[in-house]
Amino acid sequence: MRIGEAARRSGVNAKMIRHYGLIGLLRPGRHANNYRLYTEQTVARLRFIRHARELALPLPEVQALLSL
């Protein structure tokens, strides 16, 4: 799915999804036309990030939790 669909399903806006990709929290695949490709697993990860941020966890701690 594309970023707009991932944003809709996860509740995280597209700008933040791109940011999370830049800082290494996400590693989206790529389509042949170089568009980012998001999976259901990525959407679940985004939901986790969103919930962790709602609990005021800093991004380094979120990244540590995701690496477990």
N, C-alpha and C. Protein backbone atom coordinates (compact mmCIF):
# COMPACT_ATOMS: atom_id res chain seq x y z
N MET A 1 0.84 -1.18 0.00
CA MET A 1 0.00 0.00 0.00
C MET A 1 0.89 1.24 0.00
N ARG A 2 0.35 2.32 -0.43
CA ARG A 2 1.08 3.58 -0.46
C ARG A 2 0.95 4.30 0.88
N ILE A 3 1.68 5.38 1.01
CA ILE A 3 1.78 6.10 2.28
C ILE A 3 0.43 6.63 2.76
N GLY A 4 -0.41 7.09 1.86
CA GLY A 4 -1.71 7.62 2.26
C GLY A 4 -2.59 6.56 2.91
N GLU A 5 -2.57 5.37 2.35
CA GLU A 5 -3.34 4.27 2.92
C GLU A 5 -2.75 3.84 4.26
N ALA A 6 -1.43 3.77 4.35
CA ALA A 6 -0.77 3.43 5.62
C ALA A 6 -1.10 4.48 6.69
N ALA A 7 -1.13 5.73 6.30
CA ALA A 7 -1.47 6.81 7.23
C ALA A 7 -2.90 6.66 7.72
N ARG A 8 -3.81 6.38 6.81
CA ARG A 8 -5.21 6.22 7.18
C ARG A 8 -5.39 5.04 8.13
N ARG A 9 -4.75 3.92 7.84
CA ARG A 9 -4.92 2.72 8.66
C ARG A 9 -4.24 2.81 10.02
N SER A 10 -3.16 3.57 10.09
CA SER A 10 -2.39 3.62 11.34
C SER A 10 -2.76 4.80 12.23
N GLY A 11 -3.32 5.86 11.64
CA GLY A 11 -3.60 7.06 12.40
C GLY A 11 -2.41 7.98 12.54
N VAL A 12 -1.35 7.71 11.78
CA VAL A 12 -0.14 8.54 11.78
C VAL A 12 -0.11 9.28 10.45
N ASN A 13 0.12 10.60 10.48
CA ASN A 13 0.08 11.33 9.21
C ASN A 13 1.30 11.02 8.34
N ALA A 14 1.16 11.26 7.06
CA ALA A 14 2.20 10.90 6.09
C ALA A 14 3.52 11.59 6.37
N LYS A 15 3.48 12.83 6.83
CA LYS A 15 4.72 13.55 7.13
C LYS A 15 5.50 12.84 8.23
N MET A 16 4.81 12.38 9.26
CA MET A 16 5.48 11.66 10.35
C MET A 16 5.97 10.30 9.90
N ILE A 17 5.23 9.64 9.02
CA ILE A 17 5.67 8.35 8.50
C ILE A 17 6.99 8.53 7.75
N ARG A 18 7.09 9.58 6.93
CA ARG A 18 8.35 9.85 6.23
C ARG A 18 9.47 10.14 7.22
N HIS A 19 9.17 10.90 8.25
CA HIS A 19 10.16 11.23 9.29
C HIS A 19 10.65 9.95 9.97
N TYR A 20 9.73 9.08 10.36
CA TYR A 20 10.12 7.83 11.00
C TYR A 20 10.98 6.98 10.09
N GLY A 21 10.73 7.03 8.80
CA GLY A 21 11.58 6.33 7.84
C GLY A 21 12.98 6.93 7.79
N LEU A 22 13.06 8.26 7.83
CA LEU A 22 14.36 8.94 7.78
C LEU A 22 15.22 8.66 9.01
N ILE A 23 14.60 8.53 10.17
CA ILE A 23 15.37 8.31 11.39
C ILE A 23 15.56 6.82 11.70
N GLY A 24 15.01 5.95 10.85
CA GLY A 24 15.28 4.52 10.98
C GLY A 24 14.26 3.70 11.76
N LEU A 25 13.15 4.30 12.17
CA LEU A 25 12.12 3.52 12.86
C LEU A 25 11.37 2.61 11.90
N LEU A 26 11.32 2.98 10.64
CA LEU A 26 10.67 2.18 9.60
C LEU A 26 11.65 1.95 8.47
N ARG A 27 11.45 0.84 7.80
CA ARG A 27 12.24 0.56 6.61
C ARG A 27 11.28 0.08 5.50
N PRO A 28 10.57 1.03 4.89
CA PRO A 28 9.61 0.63 3.86
C PRO A 28 10.32 0.08 2.63
N GLY A 29 9.67 -0.87 1.98
CA GLY A 29 10.18 -1.36 0.71
C GLY A 29 9.95 -0.31 -0.37
N ARG A 30 10.30 -0.66 -1.57
CA ARG A 30 10.11 0.27 -2.69
C ARG A 30 9.45 -0.44 -3.86
N HIS A 31 8.52 0.26 -4.51
CA HIS A 31 7.93 -0.20 -5.77
C HIS A 31 8.97 -0.01 -6.87
N ALA A 32 8.70 -0.57 -8.03
CA ALA A 32 9.59 -0.40 -9.17
C ALA A 32 9.73 1.08 -9.55
N ASN A 33 8.68 1.89 -9.32
CA ASN A 33 8.73 3.31 -9.64
C ASN A 33 9.30 4.14 -8.49
N ASN A 34 9.89 3.47 -7.48
CA ASN A 34 10.57 4.07 -6.33
C ASN A 34 9.62 4.65 -5.29
N TYR A 35 8.30 4.38 -5.41
CA TYR A 35 7.37 4.77 -4.35
C TYR A 35 7.61 3.87 -3.15
N ARG A 36 7.39 4.41 -1.96
CA ARG A 36 7.52 3.59 -0.75
C ARG A 36 6.39 2.56 -0.72
N LEU A 37 6.71 1.38 -0.23
CA LEU A 37 5.74 0.29 -0.14
C LEU A 37 5.56 -0.07 1.33
N TYR A 38 4.34 0.03 1.83
CA TYR A 38 4.04 -0.25 3.22
C TYR A 38 3.19 -1.51 3.31
N THR A 39 3.49 -2.35 4.29
CA THR A 39 2.77 -3.60 4.49
C THR A 39 1.91 -3.51 5.75
N GLU A 40 1.13 -4.55 6.00
CA GLU A 40 0.34 -4.61 7.23
C GLU A 40 1.26 -4.61 8.45
N GLN A 41 2.42 -5.24 8.33
CA GLN A 41 3.38 -5.24 9.43
C GLN A 41 3.87 -3.82 9.72
N THR A 42 4.08 -3.04 8.68
CA THR A 42 4.50 -1.65 8.85
C THR A 42 3.40 -0.85 9.53
N VAL A 43 2.15 -1.10 9.15
CA VAL A 43 1.02 -0.39 9.76
C VAL A 43 0.94 -0.73 11.25
N ALA A 44 1.14 -2.00 11.59
CA ALA A 44 1.13 -2.40 13.01
C ALA A 44 2.26 -1.70 13.77
N ARG A 45 3.42 -1.60 13.14
CA ARG A 45 4.56 -0.90 13.75
C ARG A 45 4.23 0.58 13.96
N LEU A 46 3.59 1.19 12.98
CA LEU A 46 3.19 2.59 13.10
C LEU A 46 2.19 2.79 14.23
N ARG A 47 1.26 1.86 14.37
CA ARG A 47 0.30 1.96 15.48
C ARG A 47 1.01 1.88 16.82
N PHE A 48 1.99 0.98 16.92
CA PHE A 48 2.77 0.87 18.15
C PHE A 48 3.50 2.18 18.44
N ILE A 49 4.13 2.75 17.42
CA ILE A 49 4.84 4.02 17.58
C ILE A 49 3.88 5.11 18.04
N ARG A 50 2.71 5.16 17.41
CA ARG A 50 1.72 6.17 17.77
C ARG A 50 1.30 6.03 19.24
N HIS A 51 1.03 4.81 19.67
CA HIS A 51 0.62 4.59 21.06
C HIS A 51 1.76 4.94 22.02
N ALA A 52 2.97 4.57 21.67
CA ALA A 52 4.11 4.89 22.54
C ALA A 52 4.29 6.39 22.65
N ARG A 53 4.13 7.10 21.55
CA ARG A 53 4.26 8.57 21.58
C ARG A 53 3.12 9.20 22.38
N GLU A 54 1.92 8.62 22.32
CA GLU A 54 0.81 9.12 23.13
C GLU A 54 1.11 8.97 24.62
N LEU A 55 1.93 7.98 24.96
CA LEU A 55 2.34 7.77 26.35
C LEU A 55 3.58 8.59 26.71
N ALA A 56 3.99 9.47 25.80
CA ALA A 56 5.10 10.40 25.98
C ALA A 56 6.46 9.72 26.04
N LEU A 57 6.60 8.55 25.42
CA LEU A 57 7.91 7.92 25.34
C LEU A 57 8.76 8.65 24.30
N PRO A 58 10.00 8.96 24.62
CA PRO A 58 10.87 9.60 23.64
C PRO A 58 11.24 8.62 22.52
N LEU A 59 11.54 9.16 21.36
CA LEU A 59 11.83 8.31 20.20
C LEU A 59 12.98 7.33 20.43
N PRO A 60 14.05 7.70 21.13
CA PRO A 60 15.10 6.68 21.37
C PRO A 60 14.58 5.47 22.16
N GLU A 61 13.68 5.70 23.10
CA GLU A 61 13.10 4.59 23.85
C GLU A 61 12.16 3.76 22.98
N VAL A 62 11.41 4.42 22.11
CA VAL A 62 10.54 3.70 21.17
C VAL A 62 11.39 2.83 20.27
N GLN A 63 12.49 3.39 19.78
CA GLN A 63 13.39 2.62 18.90
C GLN A 63 13.97 1.42 19.64
N ALA A 64 14.33 1.59 20.91
CA ALA A 64 14.85 0.48 21.70
C ALA A 64 13.79 -0.62 21.86
N LEU A 65 12.55 -0.23 22.11
CA LEU A 65 11.47 -1.21 22.25
C LEU A 65 11.24 -1.95 20.93
N LEU A 66 11.29 -1.24 19.82
CA LEU A 66 11.07 -1.87 18.52
C LEU A 66 12.19 -2.83 18.15
N SER A 67 13.37 -2.61 18.69
CA SER A 67 14.50 -3.48 18.35
C SER A 67 14.48 -4.80 19.13
N LEU A 68 13.60 -4.91 20.14
CA LEU A 68 13.51 -6.15 20.93
C LEU A 68 12.93 -7.28 20.12
